[in-house]
Amino acid sequence: LNEETSLVIFHNYLIIYLGLIRNPQIITDNFYNYKKILHEVIMKKDIAVSLEILASTFSCDVPNNIGLNQYAKLLSKYPAVFLPHATDELCITNKYRNIPLPRDFIEILDPLYKEAWKFVYDLEKTVKIIEKYKEDKIEWVKK
């Protein structure tokens, strides 16, 4: 992961930590939002927009429908929220006047995908701890 991505991840962990101290309910509410966002995968229309941006940037042709279908097939497991970042990265790093290959997208998307799910997994553990704490606290108050 690059330095910018690492800072974003650190920032998210810091927000969670501060939220846990101040208001644990924020963490549990946001957990379900994070999970929902990661389940919204890249669609063919999203890829078409991304490829159009890249084609305009590099003054080249977009793939035909068969090529677009192949991109969609290979990239459809990744969350749509990461595609704009991947498109921007490819605009910066692509050295040739051609459309980046699906492999180029995957090299950017895959680490983000893995880190995001690790983040959600860690957050899920935190949510379980919070819920257990709330249950224990309620039982303690009743006694």
N, C-alpha and C. Protein backbone atom coordinates (compact mmCIF):
# COMPACT_ATOMS: atom_id res chain seq x y z
N LEU A 1 0.84 -1.19 0.00
CA LEU A 1 0.00 0.00 0.00
C LEU A 1 0.88 1.24 0.00
N ASN A 2 0.40 2.27 -0.69
CA ASN A 2 1.18 3.49 -0.71
C ASN A 2 0.94 4.30 0.56
N GLU A 3 1.71 5.35 0.72
CA GLU A 3 1.66 6.15 1.94
C GLU A 3 0.29 6.80 2.14
N GLU A 4 -0.30 7.28 1.05
CA GLU A 4 -1.60 7.94 1.14
C GLU A 4 -2.67 6.96 1.64
N THR A 5 -2.67 5.75 1.09
CA THR A 5 -3.64 4.74 1.50
C THR A 5 -3.43 4.37 2.96
N SER A 6 -2.18 4.23 3.37
CA SER A 6 -1.88 3.90 4.76
C SER A 6 -2.38 4.99 5.70
N LEU A 7 -2.24 6.24 5.30
CA LEU A 7 -2.73 7.34 6.14
C LEU A 7 -4.25 7.31 6.26
N VAL A 8 -4.93 6.99 5.16
CA VAL A 8 -6.39 6.90 5.19
C VAL A 8 -6.82 5.78 6.13
N ILE A 9 -6.14 4.65 6.06
CA ILE A 9 -6.46 3.53 6.94
C ILE A 9 -6.22 3.91 8.39
N PHE A 10 -5.07 4.54 8.66
CA PHE A 10 -4.77 4.99 10.02
C PHE A 10 -5.84 5.96 10.51
N HIS A 11 -6.24 6.88 9.63
CA HIS A 11 -7.26 7.87 9.96
C HIS A 11 -8.56 7.17 10.35
N ASN A 12 -8.94 6.14 9.57
CA ASN A 12 -10.17 5.40 9.88
C ASN A 12 -10.08 4.70 11.23
N TYR A 13 -8.93 4.09 11.52
CA TYR A 13 -8.76 3.44 12.81
C TYR A 13 -8.82 4.46 13.95
N LEU A 14 -8.24 5.62 13.73
CA LEU A 14 -8.26 6.67 14.75
C LEU A 14 -9.69 7.13 15.01
N ILE A 15 -10.46 7.30 13.95
CA ILE A 15 -11.86 7.71 14.09
C ILE A 15 -12.63 6.65 14.89
N ILE A 16 -12.37 5.39 14.58
CA ILE A 16 -13.05 4.33 15.31
C ILE A 16 -12.66 4.36 16.78
N TYR A 17 -11.39 4.52 17.06
CA TYR A 17 -10.93 4.55 18.45
C TYR A 17 -11.58 5.70 19.21
N LEU A 18 -11.56 6.89 18.61
CA LEU A 18 -12.16 8.05 19.26
C LEU A 18 -13.67 7.87 19.41
N GLY A 19 -14.29 7.30 18.38
CA GLY A 19 -15.73 7.04 18.46
C GLY A 19 -16.07 6.05 19.54
N LEU A 20 -15.23 5.05 19.71
CA LEU A 20 -15.44 4.04 20.73
C LEU A 20 -15.41 4.66 22.12
N ILE A 21 -14.50 5.60 22.31
CA ILE A 21 -14.38 6.27 23.61
C ILE A 21 -15.59 7.17 23.85
N ARG A 22 -15.97 7.95 22.86
CA ARG A 22 -17.01 8.97 23.04
C ARG A 22 -18.42 8.41 22.91
N ASN A 23 -18.64 7.60 21.87
CA ASN A 23 -20.00 7.11 21.62
C ASN A 23 -19.93 5.78 20.89
N PRO A 24 -19.98 4.69 21.60
CA PRO A 24 -19.87 3.37 20.96
C PRO A 24 -20.95 3.10 19.91
N GLN A 25 -22.10 3.74 20.05
CA GLN A 25 -23.19 3.49 19.09
C GLN A 25 -22.81 3.95 17.68
N ILE A 26 -21.97 4.97 17.57
CA ILE A 26 -21.50 5.43 16.26
C ILE A 26 -20.79 4.30 15.53
N ILE A 27 -19.98 3.55 16.25
CA ILE A 27 -19.23 2.45 15.64
C ILE A 27 -20.18 1.39 15.12
N THR A 28 -21.14 1.00 15.91
CA THR A 28 -22.05 -0.06 15.47
C THR A 28 -22.89 0.40 14.29
N ASP A 29 -23.33 1.66 14.30
CA ASP A 29 -24.12 2.17 13.18
C ASP A 29 -23.29 2.20 11.90
N ASN A 30 -22.06 2.71 11.99
CA ASN A 30 -21.22 2.84 10.81
C ASN A 30 -20.74 1.50 10.28
N PHE A 31 -20.61 0.52 11.15
CA PHE A 31 -20.16 -0.81 10.71
C PHE A 31 -21.06 -1.34 9.60
N TYR A 32 -22.36 -1.23 9.79
CA TYR A 32 -23.29 -1.75 8.78
C TYR A 32 -23.23 -0.94 7.49
N ASN A 33 -22.95 0.36 7.61
CA ASN A 33 -22.77 1.19 6.41
C ASN A 33 -21.52 0.78 5.64
N TYR A 34 -20.40 0.56 6.35
CA TYR A 34 -19.17 0.14 5.70
C TYR A 34 -19.38 -1.18 4.95
N LYS A 35 -20.02 -2.09 5.62
CA LYS A 35 -20.24 -3.41 5.03
C LYS A 35 -21.12 -3.30 3.78
N LYS A 36 -22.15 -2.46 3.86
CA LYS A 36 -23.05 -2.25 2.72
C LYS A 36 -22.29 -1.66 1.53
N ILE A 37 -21.44 -0.68 1.81
CA ILE A 37 -20.66 -0.04 0.74
C ILE A 37 -19.75 -1.05 0.05
N LEU A 38 -19.13 -1.93 0.83
CA LEU A 38 -18.22 -2.92 0.24
C LEU A 38 -18.96 -3.99 -0.56
N HIS A 39 -20.25 -4.15 -0.31
CA HIS A 39 -21.03 -5.12 -1.08
C HIS A 39 -21.55 -4.54 -2.39
N GLU A 40 -21.44 -3.23 -2.56
CA GLU A 40 -21.87 -2.60 -3.81
C GLU A 40 -20.72 -2.68 -4.81
N VAL A 41 -20.77 -3.71 -5.65
CA VAL A 41 -19.64 -4.01 -6.53
C VAL A 41 -19.67 -3.18 -7.81
N ILE A 42 -18.54 -3.17 -8.49
CA ILE A 42 -18.39 -2.45 -9.75
C ILE A 42 -19.33 -3.04 -10.80
N MET A 43 -20.07 -2.18 -11.45
CA MET A 43 -20.99 -2.59 -12.50
C MET A 43 -20.40 -2.23 -13.87
N LYS A 44 -20.96 -2.82 -14.89
CA LYS A 44 -20.48 -2.59 -16.25
C LYS A 44 -20.52 -1.09 -16.61
N LYS A 45 -21.58 -0.41 -16.20
CA LYS A 45 -21.69 1.02 -16.51
C LYS A 45 -20.60 1.84 -15.82
N ASP A 46 -20.20 1.42 -14.61
CA ASP A 46 -19.13 2.10 -13.89
C ASP A 46 -17.80 1.95 -14.65
N ILE A 47 -17.57 0.75 -15.14
CA ILE A 47 -16.34 0.48 -15.89
C ILE A 47 -16.34 1.28 -17.19
N ALA A 48 -17.50 1.35 -17.84
CA ALA A 48 -17.61 2.12 -19.09
C ALA A 48 -17.23 3.58 -18.86
N VAL A 49 -17.71 4.15 -17.75
CA VAL A 49 -17.37 5.55 -17.42
C VAL A 49 -15.87 5.68 -17.16
N SER A 50 -15.34 4.76 -16.39
CA SER A 50 -13.90 4.78 -16.08
C SER A 50 -13.06 4.68 -17.35
N LEU A 51 -13.42 3.76 -18.23
CA LEU A 51 -12.66 3.58 -19.47
C LEU A 51 -12.81 4.79 -20.39
N GLU A 52 -13.96 5.42 -20.37
CA GLU A 52 -14.17 6.64 -21.17
C GLU A 52 -13.27 7.77 -20.66
N ILE A 53 -13.14 7.89 -19.35
CA ILE A 53 -12.24 8.89 -18.76
C ILE A 53 -10.80 8.62 -19.19
N LEU A 54 -10.40 7.36 -19.09
CA LEU A 54 -9.03 6.99 -19.47
C LEU A 54 -8.79 7.20 -20.96
N ALA A 55 -9.77 6.83 -21.78
CA ALA A 55 -9.63 7.00 -23.23
C ALA A 55 -9.51 8.47 -23.59
N SER A 56 -10.29 9.31 -22.94
CA SER A 56 -10.21 10.75 -23.19
C SER A 56 -8.86 11.30 -22.73
N THR A 57 -8.39 10.82 -21.60
CA THR A 57 -7.12 11.29 -21.06
C THR A 57 -5.96 10.91 -21.97
N PHE A 58 -5.98 9.68 -22.48
CA PHE A 58 -4.86 9.19 -23.28
C PHE A 58 -5.10 9.27 -24.78
N SER A 59 -6.20 9.89 -25.18
CA SER A 59 -6.53 10.06 -26.61
C SER A 59 -6.46 8.73 -27.35
N CYS A 60 -7.21 7.77 -26.87
CA CYS A 60 -7.26 6.46 -27.52
C CYS A 60 -8.70 5.95 -27.51
N ASP A 61 -8.92 4.81 -28.14
CA ASP A 61 -10.26 4.25 -28.26
C ASP A 61 -10.63 3.42 -27.04
N VAL A 62 -11.92 3.41 -26.73
CA VAL A 62 -12.41 2.54 -25.67
C VAL A 62 -12.61 1.14 -26.24
N PRO A 63 -12.54 0.13 -25.40
CA PRO A 63 -12.78 -1.23 -25.89
C PRO A 63 -14.20 -1.39 -26.40
N ASN A 64 -14.40 -2.33 -27.33
CA ASN A 64 -15.75 -2.60 -27.81
C ASN A 64 -16.54 -3.35 -26.74
N ASN A 65 -17.75 -3.73 -27.04
CA ASN A 65 -18.62 -4.36 -26.05
C ASN A 65 -18.05 -5.67 -25.52
N ILE A 66 -17.38 -6.45 -26.36
CA ILE A 66 -16.76 -7.70 -25.92
C ILE A 66 -15.67 -7.41 -24.89
N GLY A 67 -14.84 -6.42 -25.19
CA GLY A 67 -13.79 -6.02 -24.25
C GLY A 67 -14.36 -5.47 -22.95
N LEU A 68 -15.41 -4.67 -23.06
CA LEU A 68 -16.06 -4.11 -21.88
C LEU A 68 -16.62 -5.23 -21.00
N ASN A 69 -17.20 -6.24 -21.64
CA ASN A 69 -17.72 -7.39 -20.88
C ASN A 69 -16.61 -8.11 -20.13
N GLN A 70 -15.44 -8.20 -20.75
CA GLN A 70 -14.31 -8.86 -20.09
C GLN A 70 -13.83 -8.05 -18.88
N TYR A 71 -13.74 -6.74 -19.04
CA TYR A 71 -13.40 -5.88 -17.90
C TYR A 71 -14.42 -6.09 -16.78
N ALA A 72 -15.70 -6.09 -17.14
CA ALA A 72 -16.77 -6.25 -16.15
C ALA A 72 -16.65 -7.60 -15.44
N LYS A 73 -16.36 -8.63 -16.18
CA LYS A 73 -16.22 -9.97 -15.59
C LYS A 73 -15.07 -10.00 -14.58
N LEU A 74 -13.95 -9.39 -14.93
CA LEU A 74 -12.76 -9.46 -14.08
C LEU A 74 -12.80 -8.49 -12.90
N LEU A 75 -13.52 -7.40 -13.02
CA LEU A 75 -13.51 -6.38 -11.97
C LEU A 75 -14.76 -6.37 -11.10
N SER A 76 -15.72 -7.23 -11.41
CA SER A 76 -17.02 -7.17 -10.73
C SER A 76 -16.99 -7.59 -9.27
N LYS A 77 -15.91 -8.17 -8.79
CA LYS A 77 -15.85 -8.56 -7.37
C LYS A 77 -15.45 -7.38 -6.46
N TYR A 78 -14.92 -6.33 -7.06
CA TYR A 78 -14.40 -5.22 -6.27
C TYR A 78 -15.49 -4.18 -5.97
N PRO A 79 -15.41 -3.53 -4.80
CA PRO A 79 -16.39 -2.50 -4.46
C PRO A 79 -16.30 -1.29 -5.40
N ALA A 80 -17.44 -0.81 -5.79
CA ALA A 80 -17.51 0.32 -6.73
C ALA A 80 -16.87 1.58 -6.14
N VAL A 81 -16.86 1.70 -4.84
CA VAL A 81 -16.32 2.89 -4.20
C VAL A 81 -14.83 3.09 -4.51
N PHE A 82 -14.11 2.02 -4.87
CA PHE A 82 -12.68 2.11 -5.16
C PHE A 82 -12.37 2.46 -6.62
N LEU A 83 -13.33 2.34 -7.51
CA LEU A 83 -13.05 2.54 -8.94
C LEU A 83 -12.59 3.97 -9.27
N PRO A 84 -13.19 5.01 -8.73
CA PRO A 84 -12.68 6.36 -9.03
C PRO A 84 -11.21 6.53 -8.62
N HIS A 85 -10.83 5.97 -7.49
CA HIS A 85 -9.43 6.04 -7.05
C HIS A 85 -8.53 5.31 -8.05
N ALA A 86 -8.95 4.12 -8.47
CA ALA A 86 -8.15 3.35 -9.43
C ALA A 86 -8.03 4.11 -10.75
N THR A 87 -9.10 4.73 -11.18
CA THR A 87 -9.08 5.50 -12.43
C THR A 87 -8.10 6.66 -12.32
N ASP A 88 -8.16 7.38 -11.21
CA ASP A 88 -7.23 8.50 -10.99
C ASP A 88 -5.78 8.01 -10.97
N GLU A 89 -5.54 6.91 -10.25
CA GLU A 89 -4.18 6.35 -10.18
C GLU A 89 -3.68 5.98 -11.57
N LEU A 90 -4.54 5.38 -12.38
CA LEU A 90 -4.13 4.98 -13.73
C LEU A 90 -3.88 6.19 -14.62
N CYS A 91 -4.64 7.25 -14.42
CA CYS A 91 -4.38 8.49 -15.16
C CYS A 91 -2.99 9.04 -14.84
N ILE A 92 -2.57 8.85 -13.60
CA ILE A 92 -1.27 9.36 -13.17
C ILE A 92 -0.13 8.43 -13.59
N THR A 93 -0.34 7.13 -13.46
CA THR A 93 0.78 6.19 -13.61
C THR A 93 0.90 5.53 -14.98
N ASN A 94 -0.16 5.55 -15.78
CA ASN A 94 -0.07 4.89 -17.09
C ASN A 94 0.92 5.64 -17.99
N LYS A 95 1.88 4.91 -18.56
CA LYS A 95 2.96 5.54 -19.32
C LYS A 95 2.69 5.63 -20.82
N TYR A 96 1.73 4.86 -21.29
CA TYR A 96 1.51 4.78 -22.74
C TYR A 96 0.12 5.27 -23.10
N ARG A 97 -0.03 5.64 -24.34
CA ARG A 97 -1.32 6.15 -24.81
C ARG A 97 -2.22 4.99 -25.20
N ASN A 98 -2.60 4.21 -24.21
CA ASN A 98 -3.56 3.13 -24.43
C ASN A 98 -4.38 2.94 -23.16
N ILE A 99 -5.44 2.20 -23.31
CA ILE A 99 -6.30 1.91 -22.16
C ILE A 99 -5.57 0.90 -21.26
N PRO A 100 -5.49 1.16 -19.97
CA PRO A 100 -4.89 0.18 -19.07
C PRO A 100 -5.66 -1.15 -19.12
N LEU A 101 -4.94 -2.22 -18.93
CA LEU A 101 -5.53 -3.55 -18.96
C LEU A 101 -6.25 -3.84 -17.64
N PRO A 102 -7.12 -4.84 -17.63
CA PRO A 102 -7.76 -5.21 -16.37
C PRO A 102 -6.73 -5.49 -15.27
N ARG A 103 -5.61 -6.09 -15.62
CA ARG A 103 -4.54 -6.37 -14.67
C ARG A 103 -4.10 -5.10 -13.96
N ASP A 104 -4.03 -3.99 -14.69
CA ASP A 104 -3.62 -2.71 -14.11
C ASP A 104 -4.63 -2.23 -13.06
N PHE A 105 -5.92 -2.42 -13.35
CA PHE A 105 -6.96 -2.08 -12.37
C PHE A 105 -6.84 -2.97 -11.15
N ILE A 106 -6.65 -4.28 -11.39
CA ILE A 106 -6.58 -5.25 -10.29
C ILE A 106 -5.40 -4.96 -9.37
N GLU A 107 -4.28 -4.54 -9.92
CA GLU A 107 -3.11 -4.21 -9.10
C GLU A 107 -3.41 -3.09 -8.11
N ILE A 108 -4.32 -2.21 -8.47
CA ILE A 108 -4.70 -1.11 -7.59
C ILE A 108 -5.85 -1.53 -6.67
N LEU A 109 -6.83 -2.21 -7.24
CA LEU A 109 -8.04 -2.55 -6.49
C LEU A 109 -7.84 -3.65 -5.45
N ASP A 110 -7.02 -4.63 -5.77
CA ASP A 110 -6.89 -5.80 -4.90
C ASP A 110 -6.37 -5.45 -3.50
N PRO A 111 -5.29 -4.67 -3.37
CA PRO A 111 -4.85 -4.31 -2.01
C PRO A 111 -5.90 -3.50 -1.24
N LEU A 112 -6.61 -2.62 -1.93
CA LEU A 112 -7.67 -1.84 -1.28
C LEU A 112 -8.79 -2.75 -0.80
N TYR A 113 -9.15 -3.71 -1.66
CA TYR A 113 -10.20 -4.68 -1.35
C TYR A 113 -9.84 -5.50 -0.11
N LYS A 114 -8.62 -6.01 -0.09
CA LYS A 114 -8.19 -6.83 1.05
C LYS A 114 -8.12 -6.01 2.33
N GLU A 115 -7.58 -4.82 2.25
CA GLU A 115 -7.46 -3.97 3.44
C GLU A 115 -8.84 -3.54 3.93
N ALA A 116 -9.74 -3.25 3.02
CA ALA A 116 -11.09 -2.83 3.41
C ALA A 116 -11.81 -3.96 4.14
N TRP A 117 -11.69 -5.18 3.64
CA TRP A 117 -12.37 -6.29 4.31
C TRP A 117 -11.70 -6.62 5.63
N LYS A 118 -10.39 -6.44 5.73
CA LYS A 118 -9.72 -6.62 7.01
C LYS A 118 -10.24 -5.58 8.00
N PHE A 119 -10.37 -4.35 7.53
CA PHE A 119 -10.91 -3.27 8.35
C PHE A 119 -12.31 -3.61 8.84
N VAL A 120 -13.17 -4.10 7.95
CA VAL A 120 -14.53 -4.46 8.32
C VAL A 120 -14.53 -5.64 9.29
N TYR A 121 -13.65 -6.60 9.07
CA TYR A 121 -13.54 -7.74 9.97
C TYR A 121 -13.14 -7.27 11.38
N ASP A 122 -12.13 -6.39 11.45
CA ASP A 122 -11.70 -5.84 12.74
C ASP A 122 -12.82 -5.02 13.37
N LEU A 123 -13.52 -4.28 12.55
CA LEU A 123 -14.63 -3.47 13.04
C LEU A 123 -15.75 -4.36 13.57
N GLU A 124 -15.98 -5.47 12.89
CA GLU A 124 -17.01 -6.42 13.33
C GLU A 124 -16.67 -6.97 14.72
N LYS A 125 -15.39 -7.26 14.94
CA LYS A 125 -14.97 -7.72 16.27
C LYS A 125 -15.23 -6.64 17.31
N THR A 126 -14.94 -5.39 16.95
CA THR A 126 -15.17 -4.27 17.85
C THR A 126 -16.66 -4.12 18.16
N VAL A 127 -17.49 -4.26 17.13
CA VAL A 127 -18.95 -4.15 17.33
C VAL A 127 -19.44 -5.24 18.28
N LYS A 128 -18.92 -6.44 18.13
CA LYS A 128 -19.32 -7.54 19.03
C LYS A 128 -18.92 -7.23 20.47
N ILE A 129 -17.75 -6.65 20.65
CA ILE A 129 -17.30 -6.26 22.00
C ILE A 129 -18.23 -5.19 22.57
N ILE A 130 -18.57 -4.21 21.75
CA ILE A 130 -19.46 -3.13 22.20
C ILE A 130 -20.82 -3.70 22.58
N GLU A 131 -21.36 -4.57 21.73
CA GLU A 131 -22.68 -5.15 22.02
C GLU A 131 -22.64 -5.99 23.28
N LYS A 132 -21.56 -6.73 23.48
CA LYS A 132 -21.40 -7.53 24.69
C LYS A 132 -21.32 -6.61 25.91
N TYR A 133 -20.57 -5.53 25.77
CA TYR A 133 -20.44 -4.55 26.86
C TYR A 133 -21.80 -3.96 27.21
N LYS A 134 -22.57 -3.61 26.18
CA LYS A 134 -23.89 -3.02 26.42
C LYS A 134 -24.80 -4.02 27.12
N GLU A 135 -24.75 -5.29 26.71
CA GLU A 135 -25.56 -6.32 27.36
C GLU A 135 -25.14 -6.48 28.82
N ASP A 136 -23.83 -6.56 29.06
CA ASP A 136 -23.33 -6.71 30.42
C ASP A 136 -23.70 -5.52 31.29
N LYS A 137 -23.61 -4.34 30.73
CA LYS A 137 -23.93 -3.13 31.47
C LYS A 137 -25.41 -3.11 31.83
N ILE A 138 -26.26 -3.52 30.90
CA ILE A 138 -27.70 -3.56 31.16
C ILE A 138 -27.99 -4.59 32.25
N GLU A 139 -27.36 -5.75 32.20
CA GLU A 139 -27.57 -6.76 33.22
C GLU A 139 -27.08 -6.25 34.59
N TRP A 140 -25.96 -5.55 34.59
CA TRP A 140 -25.40 -5.04 35.84
C TRP A 140 -26.35 -4.02 36.47
N VAL A 141 -26.95 -3.15 35.62
CA VAL A 141 -27.87 -2.13 36.11
C VAL A 141 -29.11 -2.79 36.71
N LYS A 142 -29.58 -3.88 36.11
CA LYS A 142 -30.79 -4.56 36.60
C LYS A 142 -30.54 -5.20 37.96
N LYS A 143 -29.32 -5.62 38.25
CA LYS A 143 -29.02 -6.30 39.51
C LYS A 143 -29.03 -5.36 40.62
